[in-house]
N, C-alpha and C. Protein backbone atom coordinates (compact mmCIF):
# COMPACT_ATOMS: atom_id res chain seq x y z
N UNK A 1 -97.59 89.68 -143.33
CA UNK A 1 -97.43 90.65 -144.39
C UNK A 1 -98.29 91.87 -144.09
N UNK A 2 -97.70 93.02 -144.24
CA UNK A 2 -98.39 94.29 -144.00
C UNK A 2 -99.16 94.69 -145.25
N UNK A 3 -100.42 95.00 -145.09
CA UNK A 3 -101.26 95.38 -146.23
C UNK A 3 -101.37 96.89 -146.42
N UNK A 4 -100.58 97.65 -145.69
CA UNK A 4 -100.69 99.11 -145.80
C UNK A 4 -100.31 99.61 -147.19
N UNK A 5 -99.57 98.83 -147.96
CA UNK A 5 -99.18 99.23 -149.32
C UNK A 5 -99.96 98.43 -150.37
N UNK A 6 -101.19 98.03 -150.04
CA UNK A 6 -101.97 97.18 -150.92
C UNK A 6 -102.19 97.78 -152.31
N UNK A 7 -102.21 99.10 -152.41
CA UNK A 7 -102.48 99.75 -153.70
C UNK A 7 -101.41 99.44 -154.74
N UNK A 8 -100.20 99.09 -154.31
CA UNK A 8 -99.10 98.79 -155.23
C UNK A 8 -98.95 97.29 -155.50
N UNK A 9 -99.74 96.48 -154.82
CA UNK A 9 -99.59 95.02 -154.93
C UNK A 9 -100.30 94.47 -156.16
N UNK A 10 -99.78 93.36 -156.65
CA UNK A 10 -100.44 92.62 -157.72
C UNK A 10 -101.81 92.18 -157.21
N UNK A 11 -102.89 92.40 -157.97
CA UNK A 11 -104.23 92.10 -157.46
C UNK A 11 -104.49 90.62 -157.17
N UNK A 12 -103.90 89.72 -157.92
CA UNK A 12 -104.10 88.29 -157.66
C UNK A 12 -103.42 87.91 -156.35
N UNK A 13 -102.22 88.40 -156.13
CA UNK A 13 -101.51 88.14 -154.88
C UNK A 13 -102.26 88.78 -153.71
N UNK A 14 -102.73 90.00 -153.92
CA UNK A 14 -103.48 90.71 -152.89
C UNK A 14 -104.73 89.93 -152.50
N UNK A 15 -105.48 89.46 -153.47
CA UNK A 15 -106.69 88.69 -153.19
C UNK A 15 -106.36 87.46 -152.36
N UNK A 16 -105.31 86.77 -152.73
CA UNK A 16 -104.90 85.58 -152.01
C UNK A 16 -104.52 85.89 -150.56
N UNK A 17 -103.76 86.95 -150.37
CA UNK A 17 -103.33 87.33 -149.02
C UNK A 17 -104.52 87.77 -148.17
N UNK A 18 -105.39 88.59 -148.76
CA UNK A 18 -106.56 89.07 -148.02
C UNK A 18 -107.45 87.90 -147.61
N UNK A 19 -107.72 86.99 -148.53
CA UNK A 19 -108.56 85.83 -148.19
C UNK A 19 -107.92 84.99 -147.08
N UNK A 20 -106.61 84.78 -147.16
CA UNK A 20 -105.91 84.00 -146.14
C UNK A 20 -106.00 84.69 -144.78
N UNK A 21 -105.78 86.01 -144.77
CA UNK A 21 -105.82 86.74 -143.50
C UNK A 21 -107.22 86.76 -142.91
N UNK A 22 -108.25 86.92 -143.75
CA UNK A 22 -109.62 86.88 -143.25
C UNK A 22 -109.89 85.51 -142.64
N UNK A 23 -109.52 84.46 -143.34
CA UNK A 23 -109.76 83.10 -142.87
C UNK A 23 -108.98 82.78 -141.59
N UNK A 24 -107.70 83.13 -141.55
CA UNK A 24 -106.82 82.69 -140.46
C UNK A 24 -106.74 83.65 -139.28
N UNK A 25 -106.97 84.95 -139.51
CA UNK A 25 -106.70 85.91 -138.45
C UNK A 25 -107.87 86.82 -138.07
N UNK A 26 -108.74 87.17 -139.03
CA UNK A 26 -109.68 88.25 -138.76
C UNK A 26 -111.16 87.86 -138.76
N UNK A 27 -111.55 86.90 -139.52
CA UNK A 27 -112.95 86.49 -139.53
C UNK A 27 -113.83 87.22 -140.52
N UNK A 28 -113.50 88.49 -140.82
CA UNK A 28 -114.25 89.21 -141.86
C UNK A 28 -113.44 90.39 -142.38
N UNK A 29 -113.90 90.95 -143.47
CA UNK A 29 -113.19 92.04 -144.13
C UNK A 29 -113.13 93.30 -143.26
N UNK A 30 -114.21 93.59 -142.55
CA UNK A 30 -114.23 94.80 -141.71
C UNK A 30 -113.15 94.76 -140.63
N UNK A 31 -112.95 93.62 -140.01
CA UNK A 31 -111.91 93.50 -138.99
C UNK A 31 -110.52 93.68 -139.59
N UNK A 32 -110.32 93.15 -140.78
CA UNK A 32 -109.02 93.28 -141.44
C UNK A 32 -108.72 94.74 -141.77
N UNK A 33 -109.66 95.46 -142.37
CA UNK A 33 -109.39 96.85 -142.74
C UNK A 33 -109.23 97.74 -141.51
N UNK A 34 -109.94 97.43 -140.44
CA UNK A 34 -109.76 98.20 -139.18
C UNK A 34 -108.35 97.98 -138.64
N UNK A 35 -107.91 96.74 -138.60
CA UNK A 35 -106.59 96.42 -138.05
C UNK A 35 -105.48 97.13 -138.83
N UNK A 36 -105.55 97.07 -140.16
CA UNK A 36 -104.50 97.68 -140.98
C UNK A 36 -104.76 99.15 -141.28
N UNK A 37 -105.89 99.68 -140.82
CA UNK A 37 -106.26 101.07 -141.04
C UNK A 37 -106.16 101.44 -142.52
N UNK A 38 -106.84 100.63 -143.34
CA UNK A 38 -106.87 100.89 -144.77
C UNK A 38 -108.30 101.16 -145.21
N UNK A 39 -108.44 101.81 -146.34
CA UNK A 39 -109.74 102.19 -146.87
C UNK A 39 -110.40 100.97 -147.52
N UNK A 40 -111.49 100.53 -146.94
CA UNK A 40 -112.20 99.34 -147.43
C UNK A 40 -112.66 99.53 -148.87
N UNK A 41 -113.20 100.71 -149.17
CA UNK A 41 -113.70 100.97 -150.53
C UNK A 41 -112.59 100.89 -151.57
N UNK A 42 -111.41 101.41 -151.24
CA UNK A 42 -110.27 101.34 -152.17
C UNK A 42 -109.82 99.90 -152.37
N UNK A 43 -109.77 99.14 -151.29
CA UNK A 43 -109.37 97.74 -151.39
C UNK A 43 -110.35 96.95 -152.25
N UNK A 44 -111.64 97.13 -151.98
CA UNK A 44 -112.68 96.42 -152.74
C UNK A 44 -112.63 96.85 -154.20
N UNK A 45 -112.43 98.14 -154.47
CA UNK A 45 -112.37 98.64 -155.84
C UNK A 45 -111.17 98.08 -156.60
N UNK A 46 -110.03 98.01 -155.94
CA UNK A 46 -108.84 97.47 -156.60
C UNK A 46 -109.06 96.02 -156.99
N UNK A 47 -109.63 95.24 -156.08
CA UNK A 47 -109.87 93.84 -156.39
C UNK A 47 -111.01 93.67 -157.40
N UNK A 48 -112.01 94.53 -157.35
CA UNK A 48 -113.11 94.46 -158.32
C UNK A 48 -112.60 94.77 -159.73
N UNK A 49 -111.66 95.70 -159.84
CA UNK A 49 -111.09 96.04 -161.14
C UNK A 49 -110.35 94.85 -161.76
N UNK A 50 -109.89 93.94 -160.91
CA UNK A 50 -109.20 92.74 -161.38
C UNK A 50 -110.17 91.56 -161.54
N UNK A 51 -111.47 91.81 -161.29
CA UNK A 51 -112.47 90.77 -161.49
C UNK A 51 -112.87 90.00 -160.24
N UNK A 52 -112.45 90.47 -159.08
CA UNK A 52 -112.77 89.78 -157.83
C UNK A 52 -113.84 90.55 -157.06
N UNK A 53 -114.87 89.85 -156.63
CA UNK A 53 -115.92 90.45 -155.81
C UNK A 53 -115.87 89.86 -154.41
N UNK A 54 -116.20 90.69 -153.42
CA UNK A 54 -116.25 90.20 -152.05
C UNK A 54 -117.62 89.58 -151.80
N UNK A 55 -117.62 88.36 -151.31
CA UNK A 55 -118.84 87.64 -150.99
C UNK A 55 -118.94 87.55 -149.47
N UNK A 56 -119.75 88.43 -148.86
CA UNK A 56 -119.83 88.47 -147.39
C UNK A 56 -120.24 87.14 -146.77
N UNK A 57 -121.14 86.41 -147.42
CA UNK A 57 -121.58 85.14 -146.86
C UNK A 57 -120.45 84.11 -146.84
N UNK A 58 -119.53 84.20 -147.80
CA UNK A 58 -118.38 83.28 -147.84
C UNK A 58 -117.17 83.88 -147.12
N UNK A 59 -117.24 85.18 -146.85
CA UNK A 59 -116.14 85.92 -146.21
C UNK A 59 -114.84 85.79 -147.00
N UNK A 60 -114.97 85.99 -148.32
CA UNK A 60 -113.80 85.95 -149.17
C UNK A 60 -114.07 86.62 -150.52
N UNK A 61 -112.97 86.95 -151.19
CA UNK A 61 -113.06 87.47 -152.55
C UNK A 61 -113.00 86.29 -153.50
N UNK A 62 -113.79 86.37 -154.57
CA UNK A 62 -113.76 85.34 -155.62
C UNK A 62 -113.88 86.01 -156.96
């Protein structure tokens, strides 16, 4: 799934997809945003607005 249109995605679905991709393909959030060339701050803000925070030690949003 391409995350280039993440701003239009449902935040719960987005959180699930991002966590899966970090776990299975990228290893951390920085690698994911570099690969998809998306703004990390916008992604984190969208998920934070839905109540999800990124936990670097867990490498996932919760």
